[in-house]
Protein backbone atom coordinates (compact mmCIF):
# COMPACT_ATOMS: atom_id res chain seq x y z
CA MET A 1 22.88 8.95 -7.05
CA LEU A 2 21.50 7.76 -10.14
CA LEU A 3 24.11 5.24 -11.52
CA GLY A 4 22.26 3.79 -14.91
CA LEU A 5 19.00 3.91 -16.64
CA ARG A 6 17.53 1.85 -19.38
CA ILE A 7 14.43 2.63 -21.28
CA SER A 8 12.64 0.20 -23.86
CA ASN A 9 9.68 1.03 -26.02
CA VAL A 10 9.17 4.64 -24.71
CA ALA A 11 7.92 6.97 -27.48
CA VAL A 12 10.66 7.18 -30.00
CA ILE A 13 12.93 5.37 -28.06
CA GLU A 14 13.38 1.75 -29.05
CA GLU A 15 16.16 0.80 -26.59
CA VAL A 16 18.51 3.06 -24.79
CA GLU A 17 21.10 2.35 -21.84
CA VAL A 18 23.09 4.95 -20.11
CA ALA A 19 25.37 5.01 -17.36
CA PHE A 20 25.75 8.09 -15.50
CA GLY A 21 28.83 9.27 -13.01
CA ALA A 22 29.11 12.08 -10.32
CA GLY A 23 29.17 15.59 -11.09
CA LEU A 24 27.59 17.34 -14.10
CA THR A 25 26.17 15.32 -17.06
CA VAL A 26 24.74 17.60 -19.83
CA LEU A 27 22.09 16.19 -22.29
CA THR A 28 21.97 18.17 -25.72
CA GLY A 29 20.61 17.35 -29.11
CA GLU A 30 18.12 18.93 -31.54
CA THR A 31 14.56 19.75 -30.37
CA GLY A 32 12.34 16.90 -30.41
CA ALA A 33 15.41 14.52 -30.45
CA GLY A 34 13.88 12.95 -27.28
CA LYS A 35 15.88 14.76 -24.39
CA SER A 36 12.81 15.23 -22.17
CA ILE A 37 11.59 11.37 -22.63
CA LEU A 38 14.62 10.60 -20.57
CA VAL A 39 13.45 12.79 -17.85
CA ASP A 40 9.88 11.69 -18.36
CA ALA A 41 11.24 8.10 -17.85
CA LEU A 42 12.95 8.79 -14.88
CA GLY A 43 9.91 10.27 -13.32
CA LEU A 44 8.22 6.93 -13.93
CA LEU A 45 10.67 5.48 -11.76
CA LEU A 46 9.94 8.05 -9.17
CA GLY A 47 6.22 6.93 -9.01
CA GLY A 48 4.92 9.44 -11.21
CA ARG A 49 1.65 8.63 -13.01
CA ALA A 50 1.64 6.79 -16.28
CA ASP A 51 -0.07 7.14 -19.74
CA ALA A 52 -0.34 4.08 -22.19
CA ASP A 53 0.39 6.69 -24.88
CA VAL A 54 3.89 6.82 -23.88
CA ILE A 55 4.29 3.23 -25.10
CA ARG A 56 6.07 3.04 -28.47
CA ALA A 57 3.56 2.35 -31.48
CA GLY A 58 3.41 -1.23 -32.03
CA CYS A 59 4.46 -2.48 -28.86
CA GLU A 60 2.39 -4.15 -26.05
CA ASP A 61 4.36 -2.65 -22.96
CA ALA A 62 7.12 -0.31 -22.39
CA ALA A 63 9.72 -0.78 -19.54
CA VAL A 64 11.98 1.70 -17.54
CA GLU A 65 14.94 0.57 -15.30
CA GLY A 66 17.03 2.31 -13.03
CA VAL A 67 20.38 1.62 -10.51
CA PHE A 68 20.66 3.89 -7.65
CA ALA A 69 23.25 4.32 -5.42
CA ARG A 70 22.13 2.81 -1.70
CA THR A 71 22.36 5.64 0.59
CA PRO A 72 21.67 5.26 4.09
CA VAL A 73 18.41 6.63 3.85
CA LEU A 74 17.64 4.16 1.09
CA ALA A 75 18.89 1.29 3.11
CA ALA A 76 16.71 2.49 6.02
CA ARG A 77 13.44 2.90 3.70
CA LEU A 78 14.08 -0.73 2.58
CA GLU A 79 13.97 -1.97 5.82
CA ASP A 80 11.06 -0.16 6.61
CA LEU A 81 9.29 -1.31 3.61
CA GLY A 82 10.26 -4.80 4.04
CA LEU A 83 12.02 -4.92 0.67
CA PRO A 84 15.34 -6.94 -0.42
CA ASP A 85 18.43 -5.36 0.28
CA LEU A 86 21.15 -6.41 -2.40
CA GLY A 87 24.11 -4.50 -1.13
CA GLU A 88 25.27 -1.08 -2.58
CA GLU A 89 22.83 -0.38 -5.09
CA VAL A 90 19.26 -0.33 -5.49
CA LEU A 91 17.50 -1.62 -8.71
CA VAL A 92 13.96 -0.31 -9.60
CA ARG A 93 12.16 -1.55 -12.80
CA ARG A 94 8.64 -0.49 -13.71
CA VAL A 95 6.55 -1.97 -16.66
CA LEU A 96 3.99 -0.11 -18.61
CA GLY A 97 1.20 -2.14 -20.36
CA ARG A 98 -1.15 -0.89 -23.02
CA THR A 99 -3.88 -2.38 -21.43
CA GLY A 100 -3.30 -0.12 -18.34
CA ARG A 101 -2.02 -2.88 -16.26
CA GLY A 102 1.59 -2.08 -15.05
CA LYS A 103 4.11 -3.84 -12.56
CA VAL A 104 6.59 -2.49 -10.47
CA TYR A 105 9.94 -4.05 -8.91
CA VAL A 106 12.41 -3.07 -6.44
CA ASN A 107 15.33 -5.44 -6.21
CA GLY A 108 13.42 -7.97 -8.01
CA ALA A 109 10.48 -7.91 -5.50
CA LEU A 110 7.17 -7.01 -6.92
CA VAL A 111 5.68 -3.70 -5.12
CA THR A 112 2.94 -1.12 -5.56
CA LEU A 113 3.15 2.47 -7.08
CA GLY A 114 2.65 3.70 -3.13
CA VAL A 115 5.66 2.06 -2.11
CA LEU A 116 8.00 2.88 -4.98
CA GLY A 117 6.76 6.70 -4.25
CA LYS A 118 7.62 5.98 -0.73
CA LEU A 119 11.12 4.39 -1.46
CA THR A 120 12.15 6.93 -3.70
CA ARG A 121 10.63 10.17 -2.24
CA GLY A 122 13.43 12.86 -2.03
CA ALA A 123 15.92 10.74 -3.88
CA VAL A 124 15.92 12.88 -7.19
CA ASP A 125 14.57 16.22 -7.63
CA ILE A 126 13.21 17.09 -11.39
CA ALA A 127 12.58 20.64 -12.36
CA GLY A 128 10.03 21.30 -14.70
CA GLN A 129 7.62 18.86 -13.56
CA HIS A 130 6.00 20.24 -10.33
CA GLU A 131 4.74 16.77 -9.01
CA HIS A 132 8.28 15.47 -8.75
CA VAL A 133 10.07 18.59 -7.32
CA SER A 134 10.24 18.40 -3.65
CA LEU A 135 11.40 21.70 -2.97
CA PHE A 136 8.03 22.91 -4.43
CA ASP A 137 6.02 20.52 -2.12
CA SER A 138 5.09 22.72 0.78
CA GLY A 139 4.59 20.18 3.26
CA LEU A 140 8.72 19.83 2.80
CA HIS A 141 9.66 23.64 3.68
CA ARG A 142 9.63 23.37 6.97
CA VAL A 143 11.87 20.24 7.16
CA LEU A 144 14.52 22.21 4.66
CA LEU A 145 14.13 25.53 6.48
CA ASP A 146 15.33 23.36 9.79
CA LYS A 147 18.19 21.93 8.09
CA TYR A 148 19.25 25.11 6.30
CA GLY A 149 19.37 26.66 9.59
CA GLY A 150 20.92 23.83 11.52
CA LEU A 151 18.06 23.72 13.94
CA GLU A 152 18.05 19.89 14.54
CA GLU A 153 18.78 19.90 18.07
CA THR A 154 16.25 22.98 18.80
CA LEU A 155 13.61 20.89 17.09
CA ALA A 156 14.61 17.96 19.15
CA ALA A 157 14.35 19.67 22.41
CA TYR A 158 11.07 20.73 21.42
CA GLY A 159 10.07 17.32 20.58
CA ARG A 160 10.90 15.95 24.03
CA GLU A 161 8.58 18.52 25.56
CA TRP A 162 6.01 17.80 22.78
CA ALA A 163 6.18 13.73 23.94
CA ASN A 164 5.77 14.88 27.47
CA LEU A 165 2.49 16.85 27.08
CA ARG A 166 1.09 14.22 24.82
CA GLU A 167 1.99 11.62 27.63
CA VAL A 168 -0.01 13.73 30.13
CA ASP A 169 -2.97 14.17 27.61
CA ALA A 170 -3.01 10.11 27.41
CA ARG A 171 -3.44 9.77 31.04
CA MET A 172 -5.78 12.46 31.20
CA ASP A 173 -7.95 10.87 28.22
CA ALA A 174 -7.45 7.31 30.06
CA LEU A 175 -9.88 8.72 33.00
CA GLY A 176 -12.82 8.74 30.63
CA GLY A 177 -14.95 11.65 29.53
CA ASP A 178 -17.90 12.71 31.33
CA ASP A 179 -19.25 11.89 34.77
CA ALA A 180 -21.97 9.64 33.50
CA LYS A 181 -19.59 7.53 31.44
CA VAL A 182 -17.05 7.46 34.31
CA ARG A 183 -19.84 6.27 36.47
CA GLU A 184 -20.87 3.72 34.04
CA ARG A 185 -17.45 2.44 33.39
CA ALA A 186 -16.82 2.03 37.11
CA GLU A 187 -20.02 -0.02 37.68
CA PHE A 188 -18.90 -1.95 34.66
CA LEU A 189 -15.47 -2.87 36.19
CA ARG A 190 -16.95 -3.51 39.72
CA PHE A 191 -19.22 -6.01 38.27
CA GLN A 192 -16.34 -7.86 36.50
CA LEU A 193 -14.10 -7.39 39.84
CA ASP A 194 -16.81 -8.98 42.03
CA GLU A 195 -17.50 -11.87 39.47
CA ILE A 196 -13.80 -12.87 39.58
CA THR A 197 -13.54 -12.36 43.47
CA ARG A 198 -16.71 -14.41 43.97
CA LEU A 199 -14.95 -17.19 42.35
CA ASP A 200 -11.97 -16.36 43.96
CA PRO A 201 -9.40 -18.58 41.71
CA GLU A 202 -5.85 -19.76 42.70
CA SER A 203 -2.94 -20.17 39.94
CA GLY A 204 -2.88 -23.40 38.61
CA GLU A 205 -5.99 -24.33 40.31
CA ASP A 206 -7.70 -25.70 36.96
CA VAL A 207 -4.60 -27.87 36.34
CA LYS A 208 -5.07 -29.49 39.57
CA LEU A 209 -8.74 -29.85 39.34
CA ASP A 210 -8.50 -31.30 36.11
CA ALA A 211 -6.11 -34.13 37.53
CA GLU A 212 -8.45 -34.87 40.36
CA ARG A 213 -11.57 -34.89 38.03
CA ARG A 214 -9.99 -37.54 35.91
CA ARG A 215 -8.95 -39.67 39.05
CA LEU A 216 -12.53 -39.48 40.87
CA GLY A 217 -14.01 -40.30 37.44
CA SER A 218 -12.04 -43.37 36.82
CA ALA A 219 -11.87 -44.63 40.63
CA GLN A 220 -13.32 -48.28 40.08
CA LYS A 221 -11.03 -48.84 36.99
CA LEU A 222 -8.09 -47.48 39.04
CA LYS A 223 -8.87 -49.55 42.12
CA ARG A 224 -9.28 -52.74 39.88
CA GLN A 225 -6.31 -52.10 38.04
CA GLY A 226 -4.15 -51.61 41.23
CA ALA A 227 -5.45 -54.24 42.87
CA GLU A 228 -4.58 -56.57 39.78
CA ALA A 229 -1.08 -55.19 39.95
CA GLU A 230 -0.65 -56.16 43.49
CA LEU A 231 -1.37 -59.51 42.78
CA LEU A 232 1.07 -60.05 40.23
CA VAL A 233 3.84 -58.32 42.19
CA SER A 234 3.16 -60.18 45.51
CA GLY A 235 0.11 -62.30 45.49
CA GLU A 236 -0.35 -66.32 44.54
CA ALA A 237 2.62 -68.11 42.91
CA PRO A 238 4.13 -67.44 40.42
CA SER A 239 4.58 -63.59 41.65
CA ALA A 240 7.34 -61.51 40.71
CA VAL A 241 8.27 -61.22 44.40
CA GLU A 242 8.71 -65.07 44.26
CA ILE A 243 9.94 -65.52 41.34
CA VAL A 244 12.80 -62.87 41.93
CA GLY A 245 13.42 -64.53 45.20
CA ARG A 246 13.88 -67.84 43.69
CA ALA A 247 16.45 -66.34 41.53
CA LEU A 248 18.08 -64.51 44.19
CA GLY A 249 18.73 -68.01 46.14
CA LEU A 250 20.28 -69.65 43.13
CA VAL A 251 22.60 -67.02 42.45
CA HIS A 252 23.60 -66.92 46.37
CA GLU A 253 24.49 -70.74 45.90
CA GLY A 254 26.50 -70.01 42.83
CA VAL A 255 28.52 -67.08 44.46
CA LYS A 256 29.76 -69.81 46.88
CA CYS A 257 31.70 -71.30 44.04
CA ASP A 258 32.20 -68.26 41.93
CA ALA A 259 32.72 -64.82 43.62
CA THR A 260 32.01 -62.77 40.15
CA LEU A 261 28.16 -63.87 40.58
CA ALA A 262 28.03 -61.02 43.51
CA PRO A 263 27.14 -58.32 41.70
CA VAL A 264 24.29 -59.98 39.91
CA ALA A 265 23.27 -61.08 43.49
CA GLN A 266 23.45 -57.51 44.63
CA SER A 267 20.87 -56.63 41.57
CA LEU A 268 18.45 -59.32 42.00
CA SER A 269 18.39 -58.13 46.00
CA THR A 270 17.75 -54.67 45.18
CA ALA A 271 15.07 -55.65 42.73
CA LEU A 272 13.52 -57.76 45.18
CA SER A 273 13.41 -54.74 47.73
CA GLU A 274 11.80 -52.36 45.20
CA LEU A 275 9.05 -54.94 44.19
CA GLU A 276 8.27 -55.73 48.01
CA GLU A 277 8.14 -51.80 48.39
CA ALA A 278 5.93 -51.60 45.22
CA SER A 279 3.78 -54.13 46.68
CA ARG A 280 3.02 -52.36 49.94
CA ARG A 281 2.36 -49.16 48.04
CA LEU A 282 0.01 -50.52 45.79
CA ASN A 283 -1.74 -52.10 48.63
CA ARG A 284 -2.01 -48.72 50.45
CA TYR A 285 -3.41 -47.05 47.23
CA VAL A 286 -6.10 -49.56 46.62
CA GLU A 287 -7.21 -49.70 50.17
CA GLY A 288 -7.30 -45.64 50.21
CA LEU A 289 -8.85 -45.09 46.86
CA GLU A 290 -12.60 -44.86 47.14
CA SER A 291 -15.50 -43.65 44.59
CA ASP A 292 -17.03 -40.17 45.74
CA PRO A 293 -19.46 -38.98 43.39
CA GLY A 294 -20.25 -35.91 45.40
CA ARG A 295 -16.69 -34.64 45.23
CA LEU A 296 -16.50 -35.41 41.61
CA GLY A 297 -19.87 -33.29 40.94
CA GLU A 298 -18.15 -30.39 42.92
CA VAL A 299 -14.75 -30.69 40.99
CA GLU A 300 -16.76 -30.36 37.71
CA GLU A 301 -18.88 -27.45 38.74
CA ARG A 302 -15.77 -25.75 39.89
CA LEU A 303 -14.00 -26.48 36.84
CA ASP A 304 -16.78 -25.35 34.57
CA ALA A 305 -17.13 -22.05 36.62
CA LEU A 306 -13.22 -21.19 35.90
CA LYS A 307 -13.46 -22.30 32.10
CA ARG A 308 -16.44 -19.73 31.79
CA LEU A 309 -14.70 -17.14 33.43
CA CYS A 310 -11.81 -17.68 31.12
CA ARG A 311 -13.81 -17.77 28.11
CA LYS A 312 -15.31 -14.74 29.24
CA HIS A 313 -12.15 -12.63 29.66
CA GLY A 314 -10.38 -14.47 26.53
CA ALA A 315 -7.62 -15.39 28.60
CA THR A 316 -6.10 -18.63 30.89
CA LEU A 317 -6.69 -18.69 34.32
CA ASP A 318 -3.40 -16.97 35.14
CA GLY A 319 -4.46 -14.06 32.48
CA VAL A 320 -7.91 -13.55 34.49
CA LEU A 321 -5.77 -13.44 37.81
CA LYS A 322 -3.68 -10.64 36.10
CA LYS A 323 -6.92 -8.80 34.74
CA ARG A 324 -8.30 -8.62 38.32
CA GLY A 325 -5.10 -6.72 39.49
CA GLU A 326 -5.77 -4.56 36.35
CA LEU A 327 -9.68 -3.93 37.07
CA GLU A 328 -8.41 -3.15 40.65
CA THR A 329 -5.96 -0.50 39.53
CA GLU A 330 -8.34 1.00 37.02
CA LEU A 331 -11.26 1.20 39.41
CA GLY A 332 -9.34 2.44 42.15
CA THR A 333 -8.07 5.32 39.73
CA LEU A 334 -11.58 6.21 38.58
CA GLU A 335 -13.08 6.26 42.13
CA ASN A 336 -10.21 8.96 42.90
CA ARG A 337 -10.79 10.48 39.64
CA ARG A 338 -11.59 14.06 40.49
CA GLU A 339 -8.35 14.45 42.80
CA ILE A 340 -6.14 12.54 40.12
CA LEU A 341 -7.65 15.03 37.24
CA GLU A 342 -6.78 18.01 39.29
CA GLU A 343 -3.42 16.83 39.67
CA LEU A 344 -2.87 15.82 36.08
CA ASN A 345 -4.60 19.32 35.25
CA GLN A 346 -1.66 21.26 37.12
CA GLU A 347 0.92 19.03 35.68
CA ARG A 348 -0.32 19.60 32.12
CA LYS A 349 -0.25 23.45 32.63
CA ARG A 350 3.49 23.18 33.71
CA VAL A 351 4.40 20.79 31.05
CA GLU A 352 2.56 23.19 28.37
CA GLU A 353 4.36 26.05 29.46
CA ARG A 354 7.53 24.19 29.10
CA ALA A 355 6.47 23.26 25.49
CA ARG A 356 5.40 26.61 24.60
CA LYS A 357 8.68 28.12 25.52
CA ALA A 358 10.53 25.58 23.45
CA ALA A 359 8.21 26.23 20.41
CA LEU A 360 8.82 29.95 20.74
CA THR A 361 12.70 29.34 20.62
CA LEU A 362 12.22 27.10 17.62
CA SER A 363 10.14 29.72 16.05
CA ARG A 364 12.54 32.68 16.55
CA ALA A 365 15.15 30.56 15.09
CA ARG A 366 13.31 29.60 12.21
CA LYS A 367 12.41 33.26 11.46
CA ALA A 368 16.13 34.29 11.88
CA SER A 369 17.18 31.30 9.51
CA ALA A 370 14.56 32.18 6.98
CA GLY A 371 15.81 35.76 6.64
CA ALA A 372 19.21 34.56 5.62
CA PHE A 373 17.76 31.81 3.63
CA SER A 374 15.77 34.05 1.67
CA GLN A 375 18.53 36.65 1.01
CA GLN A 376 20.95 33.70 -0.23
CA VAL A 377 18.31 32.35 -2.72
CA ARG A 378 17.63 36.07 -3.73
CA ASP A 379 21.55 36.49 -4.22
CA GLY A 380 21.32 33.60 -6.73
CA LEU A 381 18.50 34.45 -8.37
CA GLY A 382 20.25 37.75 -9.43
CA GLY A 383 23.24 36.02 -10.81
CA LEU A 384 20.53 33.95 -13.04
CA ALA A 385 19.21 37.07 -14.64
CA MET A 386 16.05 37.35 -11.97
CA GLY A 387 17.60 39.95 -10.22
CA LYS A 388 14.36 41.60 -9.59
CA ALA A 389 12.38 38.29 -8.85
CA ALA A 390 11.21 38.17 -5.23
CA PHE A 391 11.71 35.34 -2.85
CA GLU A 392 10.83 34.77 0.96
CA VAL A 393 10.37 32.15 3.48
CA ARG A 394 7.31 32.99 5.49
CA VAL A 395 7.24 31.70 9.11
CA THR A 396 3.67 32.09 10.55
CA ALA A 397 3.24 31.28 14.21
CA GLY A 398 0.14 29.90 15.34
CA GLU A 399 -1.66 29.26 18.58
CA SER A 400 -1.89 25.55 18.53
CA LEU A 401 1.17 23.14 19.34
CA ARG A 402 2.12 20.36 16.81
CA PRO A 403 4.94 17.63 16.71
CA ASP A 404 7.05 20.00 14.54
CA GLY A 405 6.01 23.29 16.42
CA MET A 406 3.47 25.85 15.89
CA ASP A 407 4.90 27.30 12.66
CA GLU A 408 3.47 27.22 9.25
CA VAL A 409 6.27 27.71 6.88
CA GLU A 410 6.25 28.13 3.00
CA PHE A 411 7.96 29.53 0.19
CA PHE A 412 6.85 32.41 -1.69
CA PHE A 413 7.96 33.60 -5.10
CA SER A 414 7.20 36.08 -7.76
CA ALA A 415 9.26 36.19 -10.84
CA ASN A 416 7.86 39.82 -11.99
CA PRO A 417 8.42 42.99 -10.42
CA GLY A 418 5.17 44.44 -9.00
CA GLU A 419 3.69 41.05 -8.72
CA PRO A 420 2.53 39.77 -5.17
CA ALA A 421 4.66 36.90 -4.03
CA ARG A 422 2.68 33.99 -4.15
CA PRO A 423 2.99 30.09 -2.88
CA LEU A 424 6.04 28.58 -4.82
CA ALA A 425 4.08 25.95 -6.63
CA LYS A 426 1.33 28.33 -8.06
CA VAL A 427 3.60 30.75 -9.80
CA ALA A 428 6.88 29.57 -11.25
CA SER A 429 6.73 28.45 -14.82
CA GLY A 430 9.00 25.54 -16.33
CA GLY A 431 12.08 27.73 -17.22
CA GLU A 432 11.70 29.99 -13.94
CA ALA A 433 11.32 26.72 -11.92
CA SER A 434 14.53 25.59 -13.01
CA ARG A 435 16.36 28.54 -12.31
CA LEU A 436 14.88 29.08 -9.02
CA LEU A 437 15.45 25.34 -8.05
CA LEU A 438 19.03 26.01 -9.04
CA ALA A 439 19.29 29.01 -6.80
CA LEU A 440 17.56 27.02 -3.97
CA LYS A 441 19.83 24.26 -4.18
CA ARG A 442 22.83 26.40 -4.30
CA ALA A 443 21.63 27.56 -0.70
CA LEU A 444 20.97 24.10 0.14
CA ALA A 445 23.82 22.44 -0.94
CA ASP A 446 25.01 21.75 2.71
CA SER A 447 21.97 20.30 4.25
CA ASP A 448 19.91 18.82 1.38
CA ALA A 449 19.90 15.04 1.66
CA CYS A 450 18.72 14.74 -2.21
CA GLY A 451 21.54 12.95 -3.96
CA CYS A 452 20.54 13.81 -7.68
CA TYR A 453 19.20 17.01 -9.23
CA ILE A 454 17.48 16.93 -12.86
CA LEU A 455 17.36 20.50 -14.65
CA ASP A 456 15.04 20.61 -17.58
CA GLU A 457 16.39 23.59 -19.44
CA ALA A 458 17.52 25.55 -16.62
CA ASP A 459 19.21 27.96 -19.19
CA ALA A 460 15.82 28.52 -20.88
CA GLY A 461 15.09 32.62 -21.57
CA VAL A 462 18.85 33.51 -20.54
CA SER A 463 21.72 33.74 -23.20
CA GLY A 464 25.24 35.30 -23.60
CA ALA A 465 27.19 36.05 -20.32
CA ILE A 466 24.18 35.04 -18.16
CA ALA A 467 24.53 31.60 -19.64
CA ASP A 468 27.92 31.37 -18.66
CA VAL A 469 26.93 32.29 -15.05
CA VAL A 470 24.18 29.37 -15.31
CA GLY A 471 26.74 27.09 -16.14
CA ARG A 472 29.14 28.15 -13.36
CA MET A 473 26.29 27.70 -10.91
CA ILE A 474 25.33 24.35 -12.12
CA ARG A 475 28.96 23.34 -11.89
CA GLU A 476 29.29 24.67 -8.54
CA VAL A 477 25.95 22.65 -7.21
CA SER A 478 27.49 19.61 -9.07
CA SER A 479 30.40 19.67 -6.93
CA HIS A 480 28.18 18.71 -3.98
CA ARG A 481 25.59 16.66 -5.74
CA GLN A 482 25.08 14.58 -8.95
CA VAL A 483 23.35 17.02 -11.57
CA LEU A 484 21.75 15.79 -14.92
CA CYS A 485 21.00 18.94 -16.99
CA ILE A 486 18.97 19.33 -20.25
CA THR A 487 20.60 22.58 -22.27
CA HIS A 488 20.53 24.13 -25.47
CA LEU A 489 23.34 26.62 -24.45
CA PRO A 490 26.98 25.79 -25.48
CA GLN A 491 28.10 27.78 -22.27
CA VAL A 492 26.33 25.68 -19.91
CA ALA A 493 27.52 22.25 -21.86
CA ALA A 494 31.05 23.48 -21.61
CA TYR A 495 30.92 22.93 -17.87
CA ALA A 496 30.05 19.27 -18.20
CA ASP A 497 31.82 16.24 -16.56
CA ALA A 498 30.18 13.95 -18.96
CA HIS A 499 28.27 14.90 -22.27
CA LEU A 500 25.50 12.61 -23.85
CA LEU A 501 24.08 13.58 -27.12
CA ILE A 502 20.46 12.69 -27.95
CA LYS A 503 20.07 11.89 -31.46
CA LYS A 504 17.04 10.93 -33.75
CA SER A 505 17.48 8.97 -36.71
CA VAL A 506 15.55 6.50 -39.12
CA LYS A 507 15.69 2.92 -38.55
CA GLY A 508 13.83 0.41 -40.69
CA GLU A 509 11.31 3.11 -41.43
CA ARG A 510 10.59 4.01 -37.96
CA THR A 511 12.14 6.88 -35.86
CA VAL A 512 14.23 6.10 -33.28
CA SER A 513 16.44 8.10 -30.43
CA GLN A 514 19.66 7.15 -29.49
CA VAL A 515 21.80 8.17 -26.63
CA LEU A 516 25.71 8.71 -27.43
CA PRO A 517 28.29 9.29 -24.89
CA LEU A 518 30.67 11.93 -26.20
CA SER A 519 34.15 11.48 -25.51
CA ALA A 520 36.43 14.67 -24.37
CA GLY A 521 38.26 16.31 -27.38
CA ALA A 522 36.96 16.63 -31.02
CA GLU A 523 33.43 14.80 -30.21
CA ARG A 524 32.34 17.22 -27.45
CA THR A 525 33.90 20.27 -29.46
CA GLN A 526 31.70 19.20 -32.49
CA GLU A 527 28.65 19.13 -30.57
CA LEU A 528 29.33 22.28 -28.78
CA ALA A 529 29.77 23.95 -32.20
CA ARG A 530 26.72 22.56 -33.62
CA MET A 531 24.79 23.99 -30.74
CA MET A 532 26.28 27.51 -31.69
CA SER A 533 26.06 27.45 -35.44
CA GLY A 534 23.17 25.01 -36.14
CA VAL A 535 23.21 22.31 -38.85
CA GLU A 536 26.35 23.74 -40.68
CA VAL A 537 29.56 23.48 -38.35
CA THR A 538 31.60 26.40 -39.45
CA ARG A 539 35.48 26.56 -38.66
CA GLU A 540 34.67 29.79 -36.48
CA ALA A 541 32.17 27.87 -34.56
CA LEU A 542 34.67 24.90 -33.75
CA GLY A 543 37.07 27.67 -32.82
CA ALA A 544 34.57 29.17 -30.34
CA ALA A 545 33.72 25.69 -28.92
CA GLU A 546 37.25 25.27 -28.15
CA ALA A 547 37.78 28.49 -26.66
CA LEU A 548 34.47 27.73 -24.23
CA VAL A 549 35.89 24.45 -23.22
CA ARG A 550 39.09 26.01 -22.41
CA SER A 551 37.62 28.54 -20.51
CA ALA A 552 35.55 26.17 -18.52
CA HIS A 553 38.41 24.39 -17.59
CA ARG A 554 40.15 27.59 -16.23
CA ALA A 555 36.98 28.44 -14.46
CA THR A 556 36.77 24.87 -12.64
CA PRO A 557 40.23 23.56 -12.01
CA ARG A 558 39.54 20.50 -10.20
CA ALA A 559 39.67 17.25 -11.90
CA ARG A 560 37.25 16.23 -14.25
CA ARG A 561 34.98 13.20 -13.70
CA GLU A 562 34.52 10.64 -16.15
CA SER A 563 30.68 9.80 -16.82
CA GLY A 564 31.18 6.14 -16.63
CA PRO A 565 34.15 4.42 -15.12
CA GLU A 566 35.45 1.07 -17.08
CA GLY A 567 34.02 -1.81 -15.04
CA ASN A 568 31.16 0.20 -13.47
CA SER A 569 28.73 0.18 -16.03
CA PRO A 570 25.34 -0.55 -14.99
CA ARG A 571 24.48 -2.75 -18.01
CA GLY A 572 24.90 -5.91 -16.07
CA ARG A 573 22.96 -4.71 -13.07
CA LEU A 574 20.31 -3.74 -15.42
CA ARG A 575 19.95 -7.01 -16.92
CA ARG A 576 19.39 -8.86 -13.60
CA THR A 577 16.24 -6.65 -12.78
CA ALA A 578 14.43 -8.02 -15.89
């Protein structure tokens, strides 16, 4: 749902800020006052194309900011796109520059126009500008039909069979292409495997060899250092053993006079024992340490071979050992390729048969739903003075299986009797598109995830009693979704929960447009009367306007919604996006 919109320096709008509530909000005003500018500006927030001509004369840039309610869908998209999630609202700001450079922000983060389009796709439907009407996107028709028919479970059942089929295909692809390529691959695997097998490395061998190499390379130095250490510990006086022994003797004499020295004597005794053991070990180490140039050469050669092998495979020695196991497995598979392929071919036939059965079940369900959906839309068109219009959902089954089944689904429409139905996006004019969208939305009210519908003059071409039907139908749709409706008909405006008047005036010799929220009562009645009688509001027009409002209240007894509840204005939130 759209909670608020602020527009700066767009066309005749200098600065406008509007709060929106749930239910039906109508926008009225004289022709050229700027009603469609609000819709165009909202289109920019949905990723629509921008033209520098929309920037107000004398200004270098323009800005459009919007606050949307954070739905589960938007929350998931924020996470997928790596964008900040600020809680219950999503703030979008788009700045246009006269030089053609623009910027887009989502929750304060700078993003590309493509990211904005992905985030807001399907969040708002704008009738009258086909590039923003998701219902006219043939790529979404299958999705809408499946939602209308409640086919999610059937689609999911097919999806599981499709996944199984793709898994078998992947296993077959892994066996390679033609026999020549398979033989070439097998030879390459044997070469790699033989190279590893000849060297026959062991896990951790490189670490052990590196330690041995360092020891062999430093044998003379280590022998000299060990002998010197042994001499200091137990060699000629004063050695460590002799000094500690003398200290121990003195403390033993002291213990005879003061028993509290006993722990000290014990510590010195332990130290003396450790020093004597260290001396013996140093002696054995020095005697056993021999320089072996031949062994050193062997170790260095082996280490070099292991390092070359690791570099070749771009892995550690343990990674090479793991690679050997993978090579053995793949080679074994290729050597038994014919037998495995035959088994997989048989498995694929079984899996494909199950997938086709699931696809046929899905196709039959779609065709059944298509008939009911088509009739419901035609009924809606009939109430909108388009009773002779043709609408049908065509489900064409193909031969090949795809992730969504094997059907092509597209909406076809013809506004005029005798004219063949053609793809929806090619035949609906602005006014027809608005009414068709209304009929579609009414049919999809329980399944469509879109939270806000924009109807740009959905009443075009209708009047009188039909206008009242249009108003009732729009009001009915608004009980499920937020609806913003630009209208010239008082019969439609009378059903609104909130009423915004777009008014053009002169400010400092410049034309500016303002958006004025009209309160229930005299202000709304005055505007409805103006819509009926023109510039001069007559007493009769006022009476008729009051009668329209009473009639609308009787037709919709539920509580009226407020356009902008106190304390819930988006003003502060919009300011924070700047």
